[in-house]
Amino acid sequence: MQKIYKDIFGNTIRLTHERLDHITEREEMVGQDNKIAETLLSPDIVKFSKYDPDVLLYYKLYEHTPVTRKFLAVIAKVGVAEPFILSSFFTDKIKEGETRWQS
């Protein structure tokens, strides 16, 4: 079973069971589905991947997470016929690189 999300650019992005299993290997990511959806739809900033032109990195700052004040990063392959989430995790900082969009 997969989950379907929309991003700020109107893309439909899938989260497969396999990718969700990968994401929730990090204990703090269990139960963060709503934050993943919110980050895709209403990010603070979106960056292009420095390594893959088809990948975008969505970031949103959350004051309260299981690991204190952090950005949630959602990494998605969008430049393909059926966009999908590669990974998601909490982080202290936004990666360097070209900005695609910023609030």
Protein backbone atom coordinates (compact mmCIF):
# COMPACT_ATOMS: atom_id res chain seq x y z
CA MET A 1 0.00 0.00 0.00
CA GLN A 2 1.23 3.47 -0.77
CA LYS A 3 0.33 6.97 0.33
CA ILE A 4 -0.29 9.81 -2.09
CA TYR A 5 0.69 13.43 -1.38
CA LYS A 6 0.58 16.72 -3.28
CA ASP A 7 3.46 19.18 -3.31
CA ILE A 8 3.55 22.96 -3.58
CA PHE A 9 4.01 22.70 -7.37
CA GLY A 10 0.93 20.51 -7.88
CA ASN A 11 2.84 17.25 -8.32
CA THR A 12 1.28 14.02 -7.07
CA ILE A 13 4.01 12.25 -5.08
CA ARG A 14 3.85 8.62 -3.92
CA LEU A 15 5.25 7.20 -0.71
CA THR A 16 5.66 3.47 -1.21
CA HIS A 17 5.60 0.94 1.59
CA GLU A 18 9.26 0.16 0.91
CA ARG A 19 10.29 3.83 1.23
CA LEU A 20 8.15 4.27 4.36
CA ASP A 21 9.93 1.28 5.92
CA HIS A 22 13.25 2.97 5.08
CA ILE A 23 12.14 6.30 6.58
CA THR A 24 10.78 4.76 9.78
CA GLU A 25 14.04 2.95 10.46
CA ARG A 26 14.72 6.26 12.19
CA GLU A 27 12.61 5.95 15.33
CA GLU A 28 11.81 9.68 15.42
CA MET A 29 10.14 9.43 11.99
CA VAL A 30 7.45 6.97 13.10
CA GLY A 31 4.08 8.74 12.98
CA GLN A 32 5.34 11.79 11.10
CA ASP A 33 3.04 11.31 8.06
CA ASN A 34 1.22 14.60 8.65
CA LYS A 35 4.49 16.53 8.83
CA ILE A 36 5.69 14.89 5.60
CA ALA A 37 2.44 15.95 3.87
CA GLU A 38 2.68 19.48 5.29
CA THR A 39 6.34 19.86 4.29
CA LEU A 40 5.58 18.88 0.68
CA LEU A 41 2.55 21.16 0.41
CA SER A 42 3.82 24.13 2.45
CA PRO A 43 7.63 24.07 2.64
CA ASP A 44 9.82 26.90 3.89
CA ILE A 45 12.30 26.25 1.09
CA VAL A 46 12.81 23.81 -1.77
CA LYS A 47 16.29 23.04 -3.12
CA PHE A 48 17.49 21.26 -6.25
CA SER A 49 19.63 18.21 -5.58
CA LYS A 50 23.28 18.76 -6.43
CA TYR A 51 23.52 15.13 -7.57
CA ASP A 52 20.31 14.37 -9.47
CA PRO A 53 18.41 16.96 -11.55
CA ASP A 54 15.17 14.99 -11.05
CA VAL A 55 15.31 15.29 -7.22
CA LEU A 56 13.99 18.11 -5.03
CA LEU A 57 14.66 18.64 -1.31
CA TYR A 58 11.73 20.15 0.61
CA TYR A 59 12.39 21.67 4.06
CA LYS A 60 10.10 22.95 6.79
CA LEU A 61 11.12 24.11 10.26
CA TYR A 62 9.24 22.58 13.19
CA GLU A 63 9.60 24.04 16.67
CA HIS A 64 8.56 20.76 18.29
CA THR A 65 9.63 17.36 17.01
CA PRO A 66 10.67 14.12 18.73
CA VAL A 67 14.25 15.46 18.46
CA THR A 68 13.72 19.14 19.47
CA ARG A 69 13.59 22.10 17.04
CA LYS A 70 14.53 20.79 13.59
CA PHE A 71 13.84 21.05 9.88
CA LEU A 72 11.99 18.16 8.32
CA ALA A 73 13.59 17.26 5.00
CA VAL A 74 11.55 15.39 2.41
CA ILE A 75 13.56 14.18 -0.57
CA ALA A 76 11.48 13.39 -3.66
CA LYS A 77 12.22 12.29 -7.19
CA VAL A 78 9.84 14.49 -9.17
CA GLY A 79 11.35 14.59 -12.66
CA VAL A 80 9.89 11.19 -13.56
CA ALA A 81 6.54 9.93 -14.84
CA GLU A 82 5.42 8.86 -11.33
CA PRO A 83 7.12 11.07 -8.70
CA PHE A 84 7.95 9.41 -5.38
CA ILE A 85 9.55 10.13 -2.00
CA LEU A 86 13.06 8.80 -1.59
CA SER A 87 13.58 9.69 2.07
CA SER A 88 12.59 11.97 4.92
CA PHE A 89 14.37 12.91 8.14
CA PHE A 90 14.87 15.66 10.71
CA THR A 91 17.97 17.82 10.29
CA ASP A 92 19.67 20.86 11.82
CA LYS A 93 20.41 22.60 8.54
CA ILE A 94 19.39 23.04 4.95
CA LYS A 95 21.78 21.69 2.34
CA GLU A 96 23.64 24.11 0.14
CA GLY A 97 22.66 24.34 -3.48
CA GLU A 98 20.35 26.13 -5.84
CA THR A 99 16.99 27.19 -4.46
CA ARG A 100 13.92 26.15 -6.47
CA TRP A 101 11.41 27.98 -4.27
CA GLN A 102 11.37 29.88 -0.95
CA SER A 103 8.55 31.27 1.19
